[in-house]
Protein backbone atom coordinates (compact mmCIF):
# COMPACT_ATOMS: atom_id res chain seq x y z
CA UNK A 1 -12.11 -16.33 0.88
CA UNK A 2 -12.76 -17.44 -2.71
CA UNK A 3 -13.73 -13.86 -3.62
CA UNK A 4 -10.45 -12.53 -2.22
CA UNK A 5 -8.42 -15.14 -4.06
CA UNK A 6 -10.13 -14.39 -7.38
CA UNK A 7 -9.76 -10.65 -6.88
CA UNK A 8 -6.05 -10.87 -6.03
CA UNK A 9 -5.54 -12.50 -9.40
CA UNK A 10 -6.38 -9.20 -11.14
CA UNK A 11 -4.80 -6.67 -8.76
CA UNK A 12 -1.57 -4.81 -9.50
CA UNK A 13 -1.27 -3.63 -5.88
CA UNK A 14 -3.19 -3.80 -2.60
CA UNK A 15 -3.74 -1.85 0.62
CA UNK A 16 -4.00 -4.28 3.54
CA UNK A 17 -6.10 -2.79 6.36
CA UNK A 18 -5.57 -3.86 9.97
CA UNK A 19 -7.56 -3.09 13.11
CA UNK A 20 -5.51 -0.89 15.49
CA UNK A 21 -6.85 -2.84 18.49
CA UNK A 22 -6.70 -6.43 17.17
CA UNK A 23 -3.63 -6.11 14.89
CA UNK A 24 -3.14 -9.16 12.64
CA UNK A 25 -6.23 -11.39 12.75
CA UNK A 26 -6.52 -14.98 11.40
CA UNK A 27 -8.22 -13.78 8.19
CA UNK A 28 -5.42 -11.21 7.68
CA UNK A 29 -2.92 -14.08 7.64
CA UNK A 30 -4.93 -16.04 5.08
CA UNK A 31 -5.34 -13.05 2.76
CA UNK A 32 -1.67 -12.07 3.13
CA UNK A 33 -0.70 -15.59 2.09
CA UNK A 34 -2.94 -15.34 -1.01
CA UNK A 35 -1.31 -11.99 -1.85
CA UNK A 36 2.12 -13.69 -1.53
CA UNK A 37 0.99 -16.43 -3.93
CA UNK A 38 -0.30 -13.86 -6.44
CA UNK A 39 2.88 -11.75 -5.95
CA UNK A 40 0.88 -8.57 -5.29
CA UNK A 41 2.82 -5.54 -3.95
CA UNK A 42 1.25 -4.21 -0.71
CA UNK A 43 1.14 -1.25 1.60
CA UNK A 44 -0.35 -1.63 5.09
CA UNK A 45 -2.77 0.65 6.93
CA UNK A 46 -3.29 0.27 10.68
CA UNK A 47 -6.80 1.70 11.08
CA UNK A 48 -9.06 2.68 14.02
CA UNK A 49 -6.26 4.26 16.04
CA UNK A 50 -8.88 6.41 17.80
CA UNK A 51 -10.52 3.36 19.46
CA UNK A 52 -10.02 2.50 23.13
CA UNK A 53 -7.20 -0.03 23.40
CA UNK A 54 -5.66 0.84 20.02
CA UNK A 55 -1.88 0.54 19.81
CA UNK A 56 0.19 1.27 16.71
CA UNK A 57 3.31 -0.43 18.11
CA UNK A 58 1.43 -3.59 19.14
CA UNK A 59 -0.26 -3.87 15.73
CA UNK A 60 3.02 -3.17 13.91
CA UNK A 61 4.77 -5.84 16.00
CA UNK A 62 2.07 -8.37 15.03
CA UNK A 63 2.70 -7.61 11.31
CA UNK A 64 6.46 -8.19 11.77
CA UNK A 65 5.87 -11.30 13.88
CA UNK A 66 3.12 -13.02 11.89
CA UNK A 67 3.27 -11.72 8.31
CA UNK A 68 6.58 -10.32 7.11
CA UNK A 69 9.82 -8.99 8.61
CA UNK A 70 10.15 -6.55 5.70
CA UNK A 71 7.36 -4.27 6.95
CA UNK A 72 8.66 -0.74 7.70
CA UNK A 73 7.17 2.16 9.66
CA UNK A 74 6.44 5.15 7.41
CA UNK A 75 4.76 7.08 10.22
CA UNK A 76 4.46 7.35 14.00
CA UNK A 77 1.10 8.38 15.50
CA UNK A 78 0.79 11.62 17.49
CA UNK A 79 -1.40 10.52 20.41
CA UNK A 80 -3.53 7.37 20.54
CA UNK A 81 -7.13 6.42 21.38
CA UNK A 82 -9.18 9.61 21.99
CA UNK A 83 -6.01 11.75 21.86
CA UNK A 84 -5.05 10.71 18.31
CA UNK A 85 -4.55 13.89 16.26
CA UNK A 86 -2.15 13.06 13.45
CA UNK A 87 1.10 11.39 12.45
CA UNK A 88 4.79 12.15 12.08
CA UNK A 89 5.79 11.38 8.47
CA UNK A 90 9.22 9.80 8.90
CA UNK A 91 10.24 10.26 5.25
CA UNK A 92 9.82 14.07 5.26
CA UNK A 93 10.48 14.32 9.04
CA UNK A 94 7.43 16.52 9.66
CA UNK A 95 4.23 16.33 11.69
CA UNK A 96 0.98 15.98 9.73
CA UNK A 97 -2.27 16.86 11.52
CA UNK A 98 -5.82 16.57 10.28
CA UNK A 99 -8.15 19.41 11.24
CA UNK A 100 -11.81 20.21 10.60
CA UNK A 101 -14.89 18.02 11.13
CA UNK A 102 -13.75 15.36 8.70
CA UNK A 103 -9.98 15.86 8.75
CA UNK A 104 -10.25 17.79 5.48
CA UNK A 105 -7.48 20.25 6.41
CA UNK A 106 -4.13 18.47 6.16
CA UNK A 107 -1.62 20.62 8.07
CA UNK A 108 2.08 19.79 7.62
CA UNK A 109 4.46 21.42 10.11
CA UNK A 110 7.80 21.07 11.94
CA UNK A 111 5.88 20.91 15.22
CA UNK A 112 6.86 17.36 16.34
CA UNK A 113 6.02 16.81 20.05
CA UNK A 114 9.19 17.04 22.18
CA UNK A 115 8.67 13.60 23.78
CA UNK A 116 8.56 11.94 20.34
CA UNK A 117 11.76 13.40 18.89
CA UNK A 118 14.07 10.59 20.05
CA UNK A 119 11.74 7.89 18.61
CA UNK A 120 11.32 9.85 15.37
CA UNK A 121 15.11 10.09 14.91
CA UNK A 122 15.56 6.37 15.66
CA UNK A 123 12.80 5.08 13.37
CA UNK A 124 13.64 7.56 10.59
CA UNK A 125 17.21 6.20 10.54
CA UNK A 126 15.77 2.64 10.35
CA UNK A 127 13.49 3.65 7.46
CA UNK A 128 16.27 5.33 5.46
CA UNK A 129 18.59 2.34 5.99
CA UNK A 130 15.86 -0.06 4.79
CA UNK A 131 15.31 2.05 1.65
CA UNK A 132 18.97 2.68 0.67
CA UNK A 133 19.75 -1.03 1.15
CA UNK A 134 17.92 -1.55 -2.19
CA UNK A 135 20.28 0.68 -4.20
CA UNK A 136 24.08 0.32 -4.10
CA UNK A 137 24.84 3.92 -5.18
CA UNK A 138 22.47 5.38 -2.56
CA UNK A 139 23.84 3.01 0.07
CA UNK A 140 27.43 4.14 -0.58
CA UNK A 141 26.45 7.83 -0.46
CA UNK A 142 24.42 7.26 2.73
CA UNK A 143 27.33 5.52 4.45
CA UNK A 144 29.51 8.51 3.51
CA UNK A 145 27.09 10.70 5.45
CA UNK A 146 25.12 12.07 2.48
CA UNK A 147 21.35 11.76 2.88
CA UNK A 148 19.51 10.98 -0.39
CA UNK A 149 16.94 13.48 -1.70
CA UNK A 150 13.22 12.86 -1.13
CA UNK A 151 12.77 12.06 -4.84
CA UNK A 152 15.56 9.45 -4.72
CA UNK A 153 14.13 7.87 -1.57
CA UNK A 154 10.62 7.67 -3.06
CA UNK A 155 11.85 6.21 -6.37
CA UNK A 156 13.95 3.56 -4.59
CA UNK A 157 11.13 2.71 -2.19
CA UNK A 158 8.71 2.37 -5.10
CA UNK A 159 11.00 -0.16 -6.83
CA UNK A 160 11.40 -2.11 -3.56
CA UNK A 161 7.61 -2.19 -2.96
CA UNK A 162 6.91 -3.38 -6.52
CA UNK A 163 9.48 -6.20 -6.06
CA UNK A 164 7.88 -7.13 -2.69
CA UNK A 165 11.14 -6.30 -0.90
CA UNK A 166 9.49 -3.76 1.44
CA UNK A 167 5.97 -3.25 2.84
CA UNK A 168 5.38 0.35 4.03
CA UNK A 169 3.08 0.69 7.07
CA UNK A 170 0.79 3.73 7.52
CA UNK A 171 -1.69 4.53 10.27
CA UNK A 172 -4.78 6.60 11.08
CA UNK A 173 -8.53 6.41 11.52
CA UNK A 174 -10.72 6.13 8.42
CA UNK A 175 -13.91 7.03 10.31
CA UNK A 176 -12.54 10.45 11.27
CA UNK A 177 -10.71 10.75 7.94
CA UNK A 178 -7.31 11.14 9.60
CA UNK A 179 -4.39 9.56 7.76
CA UNK A 180 -6.38 8.24 4.78
CA UNK A 181 -5.14 11.09 2.56
CA UNK A 182 -1.53 9.97 3.05
CA UNK A 183 -2.43 6.36 2.23
CA UNK A 184 -4.01 7.48 -1.07
CA UNK A 185 -0.84 9.46 -1.84
CA UNK A 186 1.18 6.33 -1.05
CA UNK A 187 -0.92 4.27 -3.51
CA UNK A 188 0.17 6.69 -6.26
CA UNK A 189 3.77 6.99 -5.03
CA UNK A 190 4.60 3.34 -4.33
CA UNK A 191 2.11 0.86 -5.81
CA UNK A 192 2.61 -0.13 -9.46
CA UNK A 193 0.70 1.14 -12.46
CA UNK A 194 -0.10 -1.47 -15.18
CA UNK A 195 3.02 -0.42 -17.13
CA UNK A 196 5.27 -1.24 -14.14
CA UNK A 197 4.14 -4.86 -14.16
CA UNK A 198 5.74 -7.60 -16.28
CA UNK A 199 3.74 -8.51 -19.43
CA UNK A 200 0.94 -11.07 -18.95
CA UNK A 201 0.82 -14.33 -20.91
CA UNK A 202 -2.37 -15.68 -22.45
CA UNK A 203 -3.38 -18.45 -24.85
CA UNK A 204 -5.02 -17.79 -28.20
CA UNK A 205 -8.16 -20.03 -28.10
CA UNK A 206 -8.12 -20.59 -31.89
CA UNK A 207 -4.47 -21.51 -32.40
CA UNK A 208 -3.50 -22.41 -28.78
CA UNK A 209 -0.39 -20.25 -29.17
CA UNK A 210 1.15 -18.36 -26.26
CA UNK A 211 0.39 -14.63 -26.57
CA UNK A 212 2.22 -11.85 -24.72
CA UNK A 213 -0.23 -9.20 -23.44
CA UNK A 214 1.02 -5.63 -22.92
CA UNK A 215 -0.85 -2.62 -21.50
CA UNK A 216 -1.57 -0.85 -24.80
CA UNK A 217 -4.85 0.88 -25.69
CA UNK A 218 -4.65 0.23 -29.44
CA UNK A 219 -3.96 -3.54 -29.23
CA UNK A 220 -6.77 -6.17 -29.51
CA UNK A 221 -8.89 -6.47 -26.36
CA UNK A 222 -7.75 -8.96 -23.72
CA UNK A 223 -9.62 -9.07 -20.40
CA UNK A 224 -10.25 -11.52 -17.59
CA UNK A 225 -13.70 -11.92 -16.02
CA UNK A 226 -13.04 -12.62 -12.34
CA UNK A 227 -16.41 -12.23 -10.61
CA UNK A 228 -20.09 -12.79 -11.40
CA UNK A 229 -22.78 -11.16 -9.27
CA UNK A 230 -26.56 -11.20 -9.56
CA UNK A 231 -28.28 -7.89 -8.92
CA UNK A 232 -32.09 -7.82 -8.49
CA UNK A 233 -32.35 -4.58 -10.50
CA UNK A 234 -29.67 -4.98 -13.17
CA UNK A 235 -29.54 -8.76 -13.56
CA UNK A 236 -26.19 -10.49 -13.98
CA UNK A 237 -23.08 -8.33 -13.51
CA UNK A 238 -19.68 -9.49 -14.71
CA UNK A 239 -16.60 -7.81 -13.27
CA UNK A 240 -13.55 -7.92 -15.51
CA UNK A 241 -10.00 -6.60 -15.61
CA UNK A 242 -8.80 -5.21 -18.94
CA UNK A 243 -5.17 -6.16 -19.61
CA UNK A 244 -4.91 -4.87 -23.18
CA UNK A 245 -6.97 -2.87 -25.65
CA UNK A 246 -10.19 -0.92 -25.09
CA UNK A 247 -13.80 -1.92 -24.45
CA UNK A 248 -16.51 0.70 -24.87
CA UNK A 249 -20.11 0.61 -23.64
CA UNK A 250 -22.54 -0.99 -26.06
CA UNK A 251 -19.87 -2.95 -27.96
CA UNK A 252 -19.88 -6.74 -28.30
C-alpha cells in the first residue's frame, strides 16, 4: 500500500486493472482512493474476460457502484469466457477482433454481431452524450442532430479525462493479448503528457523560496526520488521522477 501511495505521487496518469470475474476488490477501492487524493487521471481495463465466470457488465457495474459514477463504457465485448474474440469500439462504431496466436493481428471491421446491434446503439449514444456534455459548442451541435467528428470527440474526451471528469473503461484479456493494444492507444489518446499537467511547486533548499517547476529539458534538474530498492547484484537502486531538466548517466 505504501509503495502504491508513493508511486501515485509521481504519476501523470494511470491504468487501473480489474479482474473480469471479481470486479472491484477491496484493494482496488483503496488504490482508487489514493489516486483520487493524488488527482491522477485514470482509464480502466477489465481484464481476464476469457476466464470462466467473467462478466464485463457485472465488473462495470461494480466500478459505477463502488468507485465512481463517471466511468463510461468505451467498448462492449464480443463473446465472453471461452468465446471471447474481440470488442466493439463504441467511439468508431466498429468491431475489433484479435487474430493469430497472440492476438497480433488487429482486424477492424463493420461486422458487429446482429444480436449486439441494439446494445451498441444504446451505449454509443450514452458515450457520445457523456463526452459532448463537457463542451458547450459540441453539445449544442449534437442536440441539433449533428454528430461531432472522431477528432473532436477524442480531443474533448482527453480534456475530460485529464480533469478527472470521465473515466473510460476498456476490456480484454492480457494473457491472450486481446484488447491490450487498444488500451495502449488509449494511454496515448487520453492520458496526459507532462506538458498537459499544471506546473509543480518546489522549495529551493538554500533560500527556502517557492520555485515553479515546468517540463523543460534545458532548465536546472529537478527530480523526486520516490522509491529505494536493494538489489543483490546492483546494490541500492533509487527510482526517481524527473520534473525538469536532464540527467545523464555518469553525472553527479
